[in-house]
Amino acid sequence: MQPGKRLRTGVKALRSFLVIKLKGILYLEFRLLWYYEAVE
């Protein structure tokens, strides 16, 4: 396996990890906003 291919795989994994993390944060923020709207 070439070093370049391994690096690209790592970048792809990191990107998907960041996307999942970002979606989780957005989801949590949305839930908090919805909760506060419901409480009001």
C-alpha atoms as a PDB file:
ATOM      1  CA  MET A   1       0.000   0.000   0.000  1.00  0.00           C
ATOM      2  CA  GLN A   2       1.406   3.372  -0.983  1.00  0.00           C
ATOM      3  CA  PRO A   3       1.766   6.091   1.658  1.00  0.00           C
ATOM      4  CA  GLY A   4      -0.363   8.447  -0.449  1.00  0.00           C
ATOM      5  CA  LYS A   5      -3.266   6.001  -0.508  1.00  0.00           C
ATOM      6  CA  ARG A   6      -3.095   5.529   3.242  1.00  0.00           C
ATOM      7  CA  LEU A   7      -3.083   9.285   3.802  1.00  0.00           C
ATOM      8  CA  ARG A   8      -6.109   9.714   1.545  1.00  0.00           C
ATOM      9  CA  THR A   9      -7.968   7.017   3.479  1.00  0.00           C
ATOM     10  CA  GLY A  10      -7.125   8.790   6.734  1.00  0.00           C
ATOM     11  CA  VAL A  11      -8.370  12.107   5.360  1.00  0.00           C
ATOM     12  CA  LYS A  12     -11.613  10.472   4.214  1.00  0.00           C
ATOM     13  CA  ALA A  13     -12.147   8.912   7.645  1.00  0.00           C
ATOM     14  CA  LEU A  14     -11.385  12.213   9.364  1.00  0.00           C
ATOM     15  CA  ARG A  15     -13.804  14.074   7.089  1.00  0.00           C
ATOM     16  CA  SER A  16     -16.650  11.616   7.740  1.00  0.00           C
ATOM     17  CA  PHE A  17     -15.890  11.832  11.479  1.00  0.00           C
ATOM     18  CA  LEU A  18     -16.099  15.644  11.361  1.00  0.00           C
ATOM     19  CA  VAL A  19     -19.361  15.488   9.411  1.00  0.00           C
ATOM     20  CA  ILE A  20     -20.898  13.161  12.007  1.00  0.00           C
ATOM     21  CA  LYS A  21     -19.636  15.415  14.817  1.00  0.00           C
ATOM     22  CA  LEU A  22     -21.052  18.506  13.107  1.00  0.00           C
ATOM     23  CA  LYS A  23     -24.422  16.836  12.524  1.00  0.00           C
ATOM     24  CA  GLY A  24     -24.541  15.794  16.166  1.00  0.00           C
ATOM     25  CA  ILE A  25     -23.831  19.362  17.341  1.00  0.00           C
ATOM     26  CA  LEU A  26     -26.446  20.825  14.998  1.00  0.00           C
ATOM     27  CA  TYR A  27     -28.962  18.210  16.128  1.00  0.00           C
ATOM     28  CA  LEU A  28     -28.317  19.002  19.795  1.00  0.00           C
ATOM     29  CA  GLU A  29     -28.646  22.757  19.191  1.00  0.00           C
ATOM     30  CA  PHE A  30     -31.874  22.207  17.297  1.00  0.00           C
ATOM     31  CA  ARG A  31     -33.248  20.076  20.126  1.00  0.00           C
ATOM     32  CA  LEU A  32     -32.322  22.759  22.686  1.00  0.00           C
ATOM     33  CA  LEU A  33     -33.984  25.488  20.608  1.00  0.00           C
ATOM     34  CA  TRP A  34     -37.098  23.360  20.184  1.00  0.00           C
ATOM     35  CA  TYR A  35     -37.142  22.659  23.920  1.00  0.00           C
ATOM     36  CA  TYR A  36     -36.925  26.344  24.828  1.00  0.00           C
ATOM     37  CA  GLU A  37     -39.626  27.200  22.283  1.00  0.00           C
ATOM     38  CA  ALA A  38     -41.889  24.556  23.837  1.00  0.00           C
ATOM     39  CA  VAL A  39     -41.234  25.824  27.384  1.00  0.00           C
ATOM     40  CA  GLU A  40     -42.094  29.431  26.506  1.00  0.00           C
END
